[in-house]
Amino acid sequence: MADRRTRSAASSGAWAPLARATFRNLSSAQLGSNVGTWMQSVGAQWFLLETTRSPALVAWVQTASLLPVLLLSLVAGVLADSADRRLLLIVTTAASTVAAGVLWLLSSTGALTPWSLLVMTFVLGSLAALTNPAWQAIQPELVPREQIAAAASLSSITVNAARAIGPAVAGVLVSLNGPTLVFALDAASFVGVTGVLIWWKRPARRPALGREAFGPAAAAGLRYVRAAPGVRRILLRSALFVIPACVLWALLPSVADSELGFGSSGYGLLLGVLGAGAVLGVALMPTLRRRLSPSWVLAGSAIVYAAGLIAPATGSLPVVVIAFILTGLAWIATLTTLNAAMQLTLAEWVRARGMAFYLLVFLGGQGIASFGWGIVAGYVGSQACLLIGAGLLLVVAASVPFVPLHPLTGRLDRTISALSSAAPTLVFEPDADDGPVIVAVEYVVQIGQEAEFVAAMRGVEMARRRTGARRWRLDRSGEHERHYREEFVVPSWGEFTRSIAGRWTGFDHELLDAVIALTDGEPQEEHYFPAL
């Protein structure tokens, strides 16, 4: 028994996914790329600080980098769910190499201006936005389900360890030679990622029903999120945290320069301390997950992060360093909790699209909020903005008891299984784009079970909407007691076929089974097509 417990702990520990070669190699390559990205960010922000002295322009580096997430996340999610994810990652990473090379060339020739820097940052951000959902979606392919939370933490460490390494190195290099060298190193970092992706022999995955067209696939992803209460709550908690929290990343260069009197190397040191705290957080997360619910992890993290935003007001370097270690830990605790919750909540068929919405909120929210914090800082100063952000985070923490994560988050059966063993038998053969299709299902409810039946049908409604229905209703018969008719509309016959064959999960089946248990006999289903 003890041996089994030991093996179980080893297989689900914080570092267990690193035993898998593919996960280890891809994560290592990502770490190198993220180091390069953070070096580029420090170089960009310090270039703007020295050439413009404008807190707004410095903050807008974050906006230029993250705003593309708002514009491209859904597109990227659809691509990652319908195209070969490995090939998509190779193409976008190679393009990032070229874009980073152009930025280096502009800097090395003296042609770089504040606005051309923001434009190139936007281009690199756009390529990252096209890449991110595919990176997120491949995680469950690399590790078993019980290691997804640990994999999410380790994936986050590639960002936060990079935050510890990249800024510290970049700060020294920028103070010695300006930003040109760090731009070159950023371009080189993408080369390593491309090589590992080419090495990865991902098994071919051809959808049994063929690839979805872009428009219907995007609409299906949107319908899924709208009908998934657990997903919506994760997105809400993400937005509530990231809008005040990103003030630190947006304005830290200005705070380090004007409030603390640091140069670029000191700014890099502060970012390194935040990254070190995040690395510490990865090691502590398994213990936190065992002792606290995800919602309370989010509440505690918001309080600790708020304290970190207050620390620069003391003007004491030791206080700031200690506080920033805890702030980095709080950041990673929030990020990994939300990321793992999304990974475990989404069905496989829509995982990349669902993660695209998460990235849209978390990263796109940072882009918009950074723009706003930059404007506010122009009126009240950077330090005041940090204090405002701290106050908002305390409100965010206080909201957790009222809007926690859904209690079933991460506990739902997301195994895909067909709704029926065979497609319905029709009197004619419809084309895939025929529709819209009206599906009518007749139920005869057991005596005395009508109230329970109607309540249970709410769950079925959500399952129908998640898997393809765009309209749904439930009616009772006026002529026959205990007779009910469910009716929903699917955009096309092809969409209906996808729904019953490849979108229903084990949890959706549980909802339908609970309804059928309250009825007499099997429900009768019919399908109606436009006649004119």
Protein backbone atom coordinates (compact mmCIF):
# COMPACT_ATOMS: atom_id res chain seq x y z
CA MET A 1 0.00 0.00 0.00
CA ALA A 2 2.80 2.40 0.91
CA ASP A 3 4.57 1.63 -2.36
CA ARG A 4 1.41 2.42 -4.31
CA ARG A 5 1.01 5.73 -2.51
CA THR A 6 4.63 6.58 -3.24
CA ARG A 7 4.22 5.78 -6.94
CA SER A 8 0.98 7.78 -7.06
CA ALA A 9 2.64 10.81 -5.48
CA ALA A 10 5.55 10.52 -7.88
CA SER A 11 3.25 10.35 -10.89
CA SER A 12 1.29 13.43 -9.84
CA GLY A 13 4.01 15.51 -8.15
CA ALA A 14 5.02 19.01 -9.19
CA TRP A 15 7.84 17.78 -11.46
CA ALA A 16 6.35 14.51 -12.73
CA PRO A 17 5.63 15.72 -16.32
CA LEU A 18 9.36 16.34 -16.84
CA ALA A 19 9.89 12.56 -16.92
CA ARG A 20 8.24 12.62 -20.37
CA ALA A 21 10.79 13.48 -23.05
CA THR A 22 8.46 15.34 -25.40
CA PHE A 23 7.04 17.54 -22.64
CA ARG A 24 10.55 18.16 -21.28
CA ASN A 25 12.04 19.13 -24.64
CA LEU A 26 9.15 21.38 -25.66
CA SER A 27 9.14 23.06 -22.25
CA SER A 28 12.90 23.65 -22.40
CA ALA A 29 12.59 25.22 -25.84
CA GLN A 30 9.74 27.40 -24.62
CA LEU A 31 11.83 28.48 -21.65
CA GLY A 32 14.55 29.68 -24.00
CA SER A 33 12.04 31.50 -26.18
CA ASN A 34 10.38 33.14 -23.18
CA VAL A 35 13.76 34.31 -21.89
CA GLY A 36 14.27 35.96 -25.27
CA THR A 37 10.78 37.50 -25.17
CA TRP A 38 11.34 38.99 -21.71
CA MET A 39 14.71 40.33 -22.81
CA GLN A 40 13.01 41.97 -25.80
CA SER A 41 10.33 43.44 -23.52
CA VAL A 42 12.90 44.97 -21.17
CA GLY A 43 14.88 46.34 -24.11
CA ALA A 44 11.75 47.82 -25.66
CA GLN A 45 10.48 49.43 -22.45
CA TRP A 46 13.85 50.87 -21.53
CA PHE A 47 14.39 52.20 -25.07
CA LEU A 48 11.07 54.07 -24.80
CA LEU A 49 11.81 55.28 -21.29
CA GLU A 50 15.15 56.76 -22.33
CA THR A 51 13.95 58.26 -25.63
CA THR A 52 10.52 59.60 -24.55
CA ARG A 53 10.35 59.62 -20.71
CA SER A 54 6.65 58.85 -21.21
CA PRO A 55 4.99 56.41 -18.74
CA ALA A 56 2.15 56.01 -21.23
CA LEU A 57 4.39 54.83 -24.08
CA VAL A 58 6.26 52.51 -21.71
CA ALA A 59 2.97 50.96 -20.58
CA TRP A 60 1.84 50.65 -24.20
CA VAL A 61 4.60 48.12 -24.87
CA GLN A 62 2.37 45.73 -22.93
CA THR A 63 -0.61 46.91 -24.96
CA ALA A 64 1.15 46.42 -28.31
CA SER A 65 2.28 42.96 -27.23
CA LEU A 66 -1.03 41.76 -25.82
CA LEU A 67 -3.74 43.62 -27.76
CA PRO A 68 -3.42 41.16 -30.70
CA VAL A 69 -4.82 38.51 -28.38
CA LEU A 70 -8.15 40.34 -28.51
CA LEU A 71 -8.07 40.47 -32.29
CA LEU A 72 -6.73 37.02 -33.11
CA SER A 73 -7.42 34.60 -30.25
CA LEU A 74 -10.62 33.11 -31.69
CA VAL A 75 -9.02 32.80 -35.12
CA ALA A 76 -6.04 31.07 -33.53
CA GLY A 77 -8.28 28.76 -31.52
CA VAL A 78 -10.21 27.65 -34.60
CA LEU A 79 -6.95 27.04 -36.47
CA ALA A 80 -5.53 25.02 -33.59
CA ASP A 81 -8.67 22.85 -33.37
CA SER A 82 -8.93 22.27 -37.13
CA ALA A 83 -5.33 22.31 -38.43
CA ASP A 84 -2.28 20.23 -37.55
CA ARG A 85 -1.14 21.90 -34.32
CA ARG A 86 2.51 20.95 -34.78
CA LEU A 87 2.62 22.42 -38.29
CA LEU A 88 0.83 25.56 -37.12
CA LEU A 89 3.39 26.03 -34.34
CA ILE A 90 6.30 25.54 -36.74
CA VAL A 91 4.95 28.16 -39.16
CA THR A 92 4.17 30.80 -36.51
CA THR A 93 7.46 30.27 -34.67
CA ALA A 94 9.47 30.58 -37.89
CA ALA A 95 7.58 33.80 -38.71
CA SER A 96 8.41 35.11 -35.22
CA THR A 97 12.08 34.50 -35.95
CA VAL A 98 11.82 36.70 -39.03
CA ALA A 99 9.90 39.47 -37.22
CA ALA A 100 12.37 39.52 -34.31
CA GLY A 101 15.20 39.65 -36.85
CA VAL A 102 13.65 42.73 -38.47
CA LEU A 103 13.47 44.45 -35.07
CA TRP A 104 17.15 43.67 -34.48
CA LEU A 105 18.05 45.02 -37.93
CA LEU A 106 16.21 48.31 -37.31
CA SER A 107 17.97 48.74 -33.98
CA SER A 108 21.43 47.83 -35.29
CA THR A 109 21.17 50.33 -38.16
CA GLY A 110 19.91 53.17 -35.96
CA ALA A 111 16.55 53.24 -37.77
CA LEU A 112 14.47 52.26 -34.74
CA THR A 113 11.96 54.85 -33.52
CA PRO A 114 9.44 54.66 -30.67
CA TRP A 115 6.56 54.07 -33.06
CA SER A 116 8.37 51.53 -35.25
CA LEU A 117 9.28 49.69 -32.03
CA LEU A 118 5.60 49.57 -31.01
CA VAL A 119 4.63 48.38 -34.50
CA MET A 120 7.16 45.52 -34.43
CA THR A 121 6.08 44.64 -30.90
CA PHE A 122 2.51 44.44 -32.21
CA VAL A 123 3.65 42.12 -35.03
CA LEU A 124 5.44 39.83 -32.57
CA GLY A 125 2.39 39.94 -30.31
CA SER A 126 0.16 38.96 -33.24
CA LEU A 127 2.30 35.92 -34.00
CA ALA A 128 2.29 34.97 -30.31
CA ALA A 129 -1.51 35.30 -30.27
CA LEU A 130 -1.73 32.88 -33.20
CA THR A 131 0.62 30.49 -31.41
CA ASN A 132 -0.69 30.47 -27.83
CA PRO A 133 -3.93 28.43 -28.17
CA ALA A 134 -2.06 25.64 -29.95
CA TRP A 135 0.59 25.57 -27.21
CA GLN A 136 -2.11 25.39 -24.57
CA ALA A 137 -4.10 22.71 -26.41
CA ILE A 138 -1.20 20.30 -26.86
CA GLN A 139 -0.55 20.01 -23.10
CA PRO A 140 -3.09 17.18 -22.54
CA GLU A 141 -1.48 15.32 -25.47
CA LEU A 142 1.85 15.29 -23.65
CA VAL A 143 0.86 14.14 -20.14
CA PRO A 144 -1.91 12.00 -18.56
CA ARG A 145 -4.94 13.70 -17.01
CA GLU A 146 -3.66 13.40 -13.42
CA GLN A 147 -0.58 15.43 -14.40
CA ILE A 148 -2.39 18.26 -16.20
CA ALA A 149 -2.35 20.57 -13.16
CA ALA A 150 1.38 19.94 -12.66
CA ALA A 151 1.98 20.44 -16.40
CA ALA A 152 0.12 23.76 -16.25
CA SER A 153 2.37 24.85 -13.38
CA LEU A 154 5.50 23.79 -15.25
CA SER A 155 4.32 25.50 -18.41
CA SER A 156 3.83 28.64 -16.39
CA ILE A 157 7.32 28.27 -15.00
CA THR A 158 8.71 28.63 -18.53
CA VAL A 159 7.23 32.14 -18.46
CA ASN A 160 8.13 32.97 -14.90
CA ALA A 161 11.59 31.42 -14.78
CA ALA A 162 12.17 33.43 -17.94
CA ARG A 163 10.93 36.46 -16.02
CA ALA A 164 13.62 35.71 -13.43
CA ILE A 165 16.41 35.19 -15.97
CA GLY A 166 15.57 37.33 -18.99
CA PRO A 167 15.06 40.75 -17.37
CA ALA A 168 18.09 40.42 -15.11
CA VAL A 169 20.35 39.56 -18.07
CA ALA A 170 18.67 42.12 -20.32
CA GLY A 171 19.03 44.86 -17.73
CA VAL A 172 22.79 44.36 -17.65
CA LEU A 173 23.12 44.11 -21.44
CA VAL A 174 20.93 47.16 -22.06
CA SER A 175 22.89 49.24 -19.55
CA LEU A 176 26.14 48.29 -21.31
CA ASN A 177 25.24 48.26 -25.00
CA GLY A 178 21.63 49.37 -25.48
CA PRO A 179 18.80 47.14 -26.68
CA THR A 180 20.29 45.86 -29.96
CA LEU A 181 21.91 42.73 -28.53
CA VAL A 182 18.81 41.64 -26.62
CA PHE A 183 16.74 41.99 -29.80
CA ALA A 184 19.23 39.69 -31.56
CA LEU A 185 19.06 37.12 -28.75
CA ASP A 186 15.26 37.16 -28.93
CA ALA A 187 15.41 36.29 -32.64
CA ALA A 188 17.87 33.47 -31.92
CA SER A 189 15.62 32.04 -29.19
CA PHE A 190 12.85 31.27 -31.69
CA VAL A 191 15.24 29.14 -33.73
CA GLY A 192 15.54 26.61 -30.89
CA VAL A 193 11.77 26.27 -30.57
CA THR A 194 11.42 25.66 -34.30
CA GLY A 195 14.04 22.91 -34.13
CA VAL A 196 12.32 21.06 -31.27
CA LEU A 197 8.96 21.29 -33.02
CA ILE A 198 10.47 19.77 -36.15
CA TRP A 199 11.98 16.98 -34.00
CA TRP A 200 8.61 16.21 -32.35
CA LYS A 201 6.95 13.35 -34.21
CA ARG A 202 3.35 14.07 -33.30
CA PRO A 203 0.98 11.27 -34.36
CA ALA A 204 -1.25 12.23 -37.28
CA ARG A 205 -4.72 13.23 -36.11
CA ARG A 206 -7.33 13.33 -38.85
CA PRO A 207 -10.84 14.24 -37.70
CA ALA A 208 -13.21 11.36 -38.46
CA LEU A 209 -15.80 13.82 -39.76
CA GLY A 210 -13.34 15.96 -41.71
CA ARG A 211 -12.14 19.45 -40.86
CA GLU A 212 -14.66 22.06 -39.83
CA ALA A 213 -15.08 25.18 -41.94
CA PHE A 214 -13.82 28.31 -40.18
CA GLY A 215 -17.17 30.09 -39.70
CA PRO A 216 -19.11 27.14 -38.23
CA ALA A 217 -16.13 26.17 -36.09
CA ALA A 218 -15.89 29.69 -34.61
CA ALA A 219 -19.64 29.77 -33.97
CA ALA A 220 -19.49 26.35 -32.29
CA GLY A 221 -16.73 27.56 -29.97
CA LEU A 222 -18.74 30.63 -29.01
CA ARG A 223 -21.88 28.54 -28.35
CA TYR A 224 -19.87 26.18 -26.17
CA VAL A 225 -18.50 28.95 -23.95
CA ARG A 226 -21.92 30.59 -23.63
CA ALA A 227 -23.46 27.28 -22.48
CA ALA A 228 -20.66 26.25 -20.09
CA PRO A 229 -21.21 27.90 -16.67
CA GLY A 230 -17.92 26.57 -15.30
CA VAL A 231 -15.96 28.06 -18.19
CA ARG A 232 -17.72 31.41 -17.90
CA ARG A 233 -16.90 31.61 -14.20
CA ILE A 234 -13.20 30.92 -14.90
CA LEU A 235 -13.20 33.72 -17.46
CA LEU A 236 -14.87 36.08 -14.99
CA ARG A 237 -12.33 35.33 -12.25
CA SER A 238 -9.52 35.82 -14.81
CA ALA A 239 -10.79 39.26 -15.79
CA LEU A 240 -11.35 40.36 -12.19
CA PHE A 241 -7.76 39.52 -11.29
CA VAL A 242 -5.80 40.55 -14.35
CA ILE A 243 -7.21 44.06 -14.83
CA PRO A 244 -5.83 45.45 -11.55
CA ALA A 245 -2.86 43.05 -11.37
CA CYS A 246 -1.34 44.05 -14.71
CA VAL A 247 -0.63 47.56 -13.43
CA LEU A 248 2.61 46.15 -12.04
CA TRP A 249 3.85 44.82 -15.38
CA ALA A 250 2.72 47.96 -17.21
CA LEU A 251 4.28 50.57 -14.92
CA LEU A 252 7.15 48.84 -13.13
CA PRO A 253 9.78 50.43 -15.44
CA SER A 254 8.52 53.90 -14.52
CA VAL A 255 8.29 53.02 -10.81
CA ALA A 256 11.79 51.54 -10.82
CA ASP A 257 13.19 54.65 -12.51
CA SER A 258 11.30 57.55 -10.94
CA GLU A 259 10.19 56.18 -7.54
CA LEU A 260 13.05 53.84 -6.62
CA GLY A 261 15.88 55.46 -8.58
CA PHE A 262 16.96 52.25 -10.33
CA GLY A 263 18.50 52.00 -13.76
CA SER A 264 17.78 49.32 -16.34
CA SER A 265 19.78 46.74 -14.40
CA GLY A 266 17.77 47.47 -11.24
CA TYR A 267 14.55 47.12 -13.21
CA GLY A 268 15.76 43.78 -14.52
CA LEU A 269 16.58 42.74 -10.95
CA LEU A 270 13.03 43.52 -9.79
CA LEU A 271 11.56 41.46 -12.60
CA GLY A 272 13.99 38.70 -11.71
CA VAL A 273 12.77 38.73 -8.10
CA LEU A 274 9.18 38.44 -9.32
CA GLY A 275 10.19 35.51 -11.51
CA ALA A 276 12.03 33.82 -8.64
CA GLY A 277 8.88 34.07 -6.54
CA ALA A 278 6.92 32.47 -9.36
CA VAL A 279 9.38 29.57 -9.53
CA LEU A 280 8.97 29.10 -5.79
CA GLY A 281 5.22 29.11 -6.32
CA VAL A 282 5.43 26.15 -8.70
CA ALA A 283 7.08 24.07 -5.97
CA LEU A 284 4.45 25.10 -3.41
CA MET A 285 1.37 24.69 -5.61
CA PRO A 286 0.85 20.94 -4.98
CA THR A 287 0.67 21.66 -1.24
CA LEU A 288 -1.67 24.61 -1.75
CA ARG A 289 -3.95 22.51 -3.99
CA ARG A 290 -4.20 19.83 -1.29
CA ARG A 291 -5.00 22.26 1.52
CA LEU A 292 -7.12 24.92 -0.18
CA SER A 293 -9.91 24.95 -2.71
CA PRO A 294 -9.09 26.66 -6.02
CA SER A 295 -11.35 29.59 -5.14
CA TRP A 296 -9.54 30.25 -1.88
CA VAL A 297 -6.18 30.04 -3.64
CA LEU A 298 -7.45 32.84 -5.90
CA ALA A 299 -8.63 34.92 -2.93
CA GLY A 300 -5.38 34.54 -1.00
CA SER A 301 -3.30 35.29 -4.08
CA ALA A 302 -5.20 38.53 -4.71
CA ILE A 303 -4.50 39.71 -1.14
CA VAL A 304 -0.79 38.87 -1.34
CA TYR A 305 -0.49 40.52 -4.74
CA ALA A 306 -2.15 43.67 -3.37
CA ALA A 307 0.50 43.82 -0.66
CA GLY A 308 3.16 43.61 -3.35
CA LEU A 309 1.68 46.63 -5.15
CA ILE A 310 1.85 48.65 -1.95
CA ALA A 311 5.49 47.75 -1.20
CA PRO A 312 7.20 50.25 -3.60
CA ALA A 313 5.54 53.11 -1.69
CA THR A 314 7.81 52.31 1.28
CA GLY A 315 10.92 53.16 -0.76
CA SER A 316 12.76 50.32 1.01
CA LEU A 317 14.60 47.89 -1.27
CA PRO A 318 14.54 44.97 1.24
CA VAL A 319 10.77 45.40 1.69
CA VAL A 320 10.24 45.53 -2.06
CA VAL A 321 12.35 42.42 -2.67
CA ILE A 322 10.55 40.35 -0.03
CA ALA A 323 7.15 41.59 -1.17
CA PHE A 324 7.94 40.90 -4.83
CA ILE A 325 8.96 37.31 -4.09
CA LEU A 326 5.50 36.79 -2.57
CA THR A 327 3.91 38.73 -5.45
CA GLY A 328 5.51 36.39 -7.98
CA LEU A 329 4.23 33.43 -5.98
CA ALA A 330 0.72 34.93 -5.96
CA TRP A 331 0.84 35.54 -9.71
CA ILE A 332 1.80 31.94 -10.49
CA ALA A 333 -0.77 30.57 -8.02
CA THR A 334 -3.53 32.46 -9.81
CA LEU A 335 -2.27 31.68 -13.29
CA THR A 336 -1.85 27.94 -12.75
CA THR A 337 -5.14 27.61 -10.89
CA LEU A 338 -7.10 29.25 -13.71
CA ASN A 339 -5.14 27.53 -16.49
CA ALA A 340 -5.50 24.04 -15.01
CA ALA A 341 -9.19 24.67 -14.35
CA MET A 342 -9.73 25.52 -18.02
CA GLN A 343 -7.70 22.55 -19.26
CA LEU A 344 -9.71 20.14 -17.10
CA THR A 345 -13.09 21.72 -17.84
CA LEU A 346 -12.96 21.95 -21.64
CA ALA A 347 -13.94 19.05 -23.91
CA GLU A 348 -11.23 17.83 -26.28
CA TRP A 349 -13.08 18.84 -29.45
CA VAL A 350 -13.19 22.49 -28.42
CA ARG A 351 -10.09 22.75 -26.22
CA ALA A 352 -8.08 25.17 -28.36
CA ARG A 353 -11.08 27.42 -28.96
CA GLY A 354 -11.88 27.42 -25.25
CA MET A 355 -8.28 28.23 -24.35
CA ALA A 356 -8.40 31.00 -26.95
CA PHE A 357 -11.22 32.65 -25.00
CA TYR A 358 -9.21 32.25 -21.80
CA LEU A 359 -6.15 33.86 -23.40
CA LEU A 360 -8.36 36.56 -24.88
CA VAL A 361 -9.54 37.50 -21.40
CA PHE A 362 -6.27 37.00 -19.52
CA LEU A 363 -3.78 38.39 -22.03
CA GLY A 364 -6.12 40.65 -23.99
CA GLY A 365 -7.37 42.05 -20.70
CA GLN A 366 -3.77 42.92 -19.83
CA GLY A 367 -3.37 44.71 -23.15
CA ILE A 368 -6.45 46.89 -22.67
CA ALA A 369 -5.85 47.49 -18.97
CA SER A 370 -2.20 48.41 -19.58
CA PHE A 371 -3.35 51.03 -22.08
CA GLY A 372 -5.71 52.43 -19.45
CA TRP A 373 -3.13 52.34 -16.66
CA GLY A 374 -0.71 54.23 -18.91
CA ILE A 375 -3.25 57.01 -19.39
CA VAL A 376 -4.12 57.17 -15.68
CA ALA A 377 -0.42 57.25 -14.76
CA GLY A 378 -0.05 60.40 -16.89
CA TYR A 379 -2.46 62.18 -14.53
CA VAL A 380 -1.82 60.71 -11.07
CA GLY A 381 1.61 59.09 -11.37
CA SER A 382 2.80 55.49 -11.47
CA GLN A 383 2.95 54.96 -7.71
CA ALA A 384 -0.66 56.10 -7.26
CA CYS A 385 -1.73 53.63 -9.92
CA LEU A 386 -0.11 50.79 -7.97
CA LEU A 387 -2.04 51.80 -4.86
CA ILE A 388 -5.30 51.95 -6.82
CA GLY A 389 -4.58 48.49 -8.22
CA ALA A 390 -3.95 47.19 -4.69
CA GLY A 391 -7.32 48.49 -3.51
CA LEU A 392 -9.09 46.87 -6.46
CA LEU A 393 -7.40 43.53 -5.74
CA LEU A 394 -8.68 43.57 -2.17
CA VAL A 395 -12.18 44.00 -3.59
CA VAL A 396 -11.47 41.08 -5.96
CA ALA A 397 -10.46 38.88 -3.02
CA ALA A 398 -13.63 39.86 -1.12
CA SER A 399 -15.76 38.82 -4.12
CA VAL A 400 -14.63 35.16 -4.03
CA PRO A 401 -17.29 33.94 -1.54
CA PHE A 402 -19.98 35.46 -3.76
CA VAL A 403 -18.65 34.38 -7.18
CA PRO A 404 -16.35 31.37 -6.62
CA LEU A 405 -15.26 28.94 -9.27
CA HIS A 406 -17.95 26.41 -10.15
CA PRO A 407 -17.91 23.58 -7.56
CA LEU A 408 -17.55 20.93 -10.31
CA THR A 409 -14.60 22.67 -11.97
CA GLY A 410 -12.06 20.04 -13.02
CA ARG A 411 -14.26 17.15 -11.88
CA LEU A 412 -16.46 16.61 -14.95
CA ASP A 413 -16.16 13.56 -17.19
CA ARG A 414 -14.84 15.02 -20.45
CA THR A 415 -14.46 11.69 -22.26
CA ILE A 416 -15.94 12.00 -25.77
CA SER A 417 -18.54 9.34 -26.61
CA ALA A 418 -21.15 9.27 -29.36
CA LEU A 419 -24.68 10.23 -28.42
CA SER A 420 -26.05 7.28 -30.42
CA SER A 421 -24.46 4.25 -32.02
CA ALA A 422 -25.66 5.22 -35.50
CA ALA A 423 -26.96 8.28 -37.30
CA PRO A 424 -30.76 8.54 -37.52
CA THR A 425 -32.47 6.67 -40.37
CA LEU A 426 -34.01 9.21 -42.74
CA VAL A 427 -36.18 8.82 -45.82
CA PHE A 428 -33.66 10.83 -47.88
CA GLU A 429 -29.92 11.54 -47.73
CA PRO A 430 -29.31 15.18 -46.74
CA ASP A 431 -26.17 17.09 -47.65
CA ALA A 432 -23.88 18.25 -44.86
CA ASP A 433 -24.87 21.90 -45.39
CA ASP A 434 -28.63 21.22 -45.48
CA GLY A 435 -30.44 23.06 -42.74
CA PRO A 436 -31.18 24.52 -40.39
CA VAL A 437 -32.35 21.25 -38.85
CA ILE A 438 -35.12 21.20 -36.25
CA VAL A 439 -34.80 18.26 -33.88
CA ALA A 440 -37.92 17.30 -31.91
CA VAL A 441 -37.80 14.80 -29.04
CA GLU A 442 -40.98 13.45 -27.40
CA TYR A 443 -40.92 12.32 -23.76
CA VAL A 444 -43.56 10.62 -21.60
CA VAL A 445 -42.78 11.44 -17.99
CA GLN A 446 -43.39 9.06 -15.10
CA ILE A 447 -46.32 9.85 -12.83
CA GLY A 448 -45.40 12.38 -10.17
CA GLN A 449 -42.00 13.20 -11.74
CA GLU A 450 -42.92 16.19 -13.88
CA ALA A 451 -41.28 18.88 -11.71
CA GLU A 452 -38.08 16.85 -11.44
CA PHE A 453 -38.14 16.23 -15.20
CA VAL A 454 -38.43 19.93 -16.05
CA ALA A 455 -35.60 20.78 -13.65
CA ALA A 456 -33.37 18.04 -15.12
CA MET A 457 -34.04 19.30 -18.65
CA ARG A 458 -32.16 22.50 -17.79
CA GLY A 459 -28.98 20.46 -17.78
CA VAL A 460 -29.89 18.84 -21.11
CA GLU A 461 -30.53 22.29 -22.57
CA MET A 462 -26.97 23.33 -21.69
CA ALA A 463 -25.60 20.10 -23.18
CA ARG A 464 -27.52 20.66 -26.43
CA ARG A 465 -26.30 24.25 -26.67
CA ARG A 466 -22.68 23.27 -25.90
CA THR A 467 -22.68 20.66 -28.65
CA GLY A 468 -24.35 22.61 -31.45
CA ALA A 469 -27.88 23.85 -30.76
CA ARG A 470 -28.49 27.55 -31.33
CA ARG A 471 -32.13 27.60 -30.14
CA TRP A 472 -33.85 25.34 -27.59
CA ARG A 473 -37.27 25.06 -25.99
CA LEU A 474 -39.35 22.63 -23.94
CA ASP A 475 -43.16 22.41 -24.28
CA ARG A 476 -45.83 20.30 -22.59
CA SER A 477 -48.76 18.76 -24.42
CA GLY A 478 -52.21 20.29 -24.05
CA GLU A 479 -53.98 17.03 -24.98
CA HIS A 480 -51.90 14.34 -23.25
CA GLU A 481 -50.84 14.27 -19.63
CA ARG A 482 -47.14 13.83 -18.92
CA HIS A 483 -46.21 14.36 -22.58
CA TYR A 484 -43.37 16.82 -23.24
CA ARG A 485 -41.65 17.92 -26.44
CA GLU A 486 -38.07 19.14 -26.56
CA GLU A 487 -37.19 21.12 -29.67
CA PHE A 488 -33.84 22.59 -30.69
CA VAL A 489 -32.34 23.98 -33.88
CA VAL A 490 -28.94 23.00 -35.30
CA PRO A 491 -27.43 25.14 -38.10
CA SER A 492 -26.92 22.24 -40.53
CA TRP A 493 -27.07 18.47 -40.89
CA GLY A 494 -23.28 18.36 -40.81
CA GLU A 495 -23.29 20.24 -37.51
CA PHE A 496 -25.85 17.81 -36.09
CA THR A 497 -23.76 14.83 -37.21
CA ARG A 498 -20.68 16.30 -35.54
CA SER A 499 -22.70 16.87 -32.40
CA ILE A 500 -23.91 13.31 -31.91
CA ALA A 501 -20.70 11.64 -33.11
CA GLY A 502 -17.89 13.71 -31.66
CA ARG A 503 -18.99 16.35 -29.15
CA TRP A 504 -20.97 14.67 -26.37
CA THR A 505 -18.94 14.04 -23.24
CA GLY A 506 -19.49 11.64 -20.36
CA PHE A 507 -20.91 14.50 -18.30
CA ASP A 508 -23.40 15.38 -21.06
CA HIS A 509 -24.52 11.74 -21.10
CA GLU A 510 -25.06 11.86 -17.34
CA LEU A 511 -27.38 14.84 -17.76
CA LEU A 512 -29.42 13.08 -20.46
CA ASP A 513 -29.49 9.79 -18.54
CA ALA A 514 -30.91 11.60 -15.49
CA VAL A 515 -33.78 12.84 -17.68
CA ILE A 516 -34.47 9.47 -19.30
CA ALA A 517 -34.60 7.86 -15.84
CA LEU A 518 -37.69 10.01 -15.16
CA THR A 519 -39.57 8.88 -18.30
CA ASP A 520 -41.57 5.86 -19.46
CA GLY A 521 -40.03 4.24 -22.53
CA GLU A 522 -37.45 5.62 -24.90
CA PRO A 523 -37.77 9.21 -26.16
CA GLN A 524 -38.87 9.52 -29.80
CA GLU A 525 -36.69 11.76 -31.94
CA GLU A 526 -37.55 13.31 -35.31
CA HIS A 527 -35.66 15.65 -37.64
CA TYR A 528 -37.18 18.36 -39.82
CA PHE A 529 -35.57 20.14 -42.79
CA PRO A 530 -36.70 23.25 -44.68
CA ALA A 531 -39.29 22.30 -47.32
CA LEU A 532 -39.15 25.59 -49.27
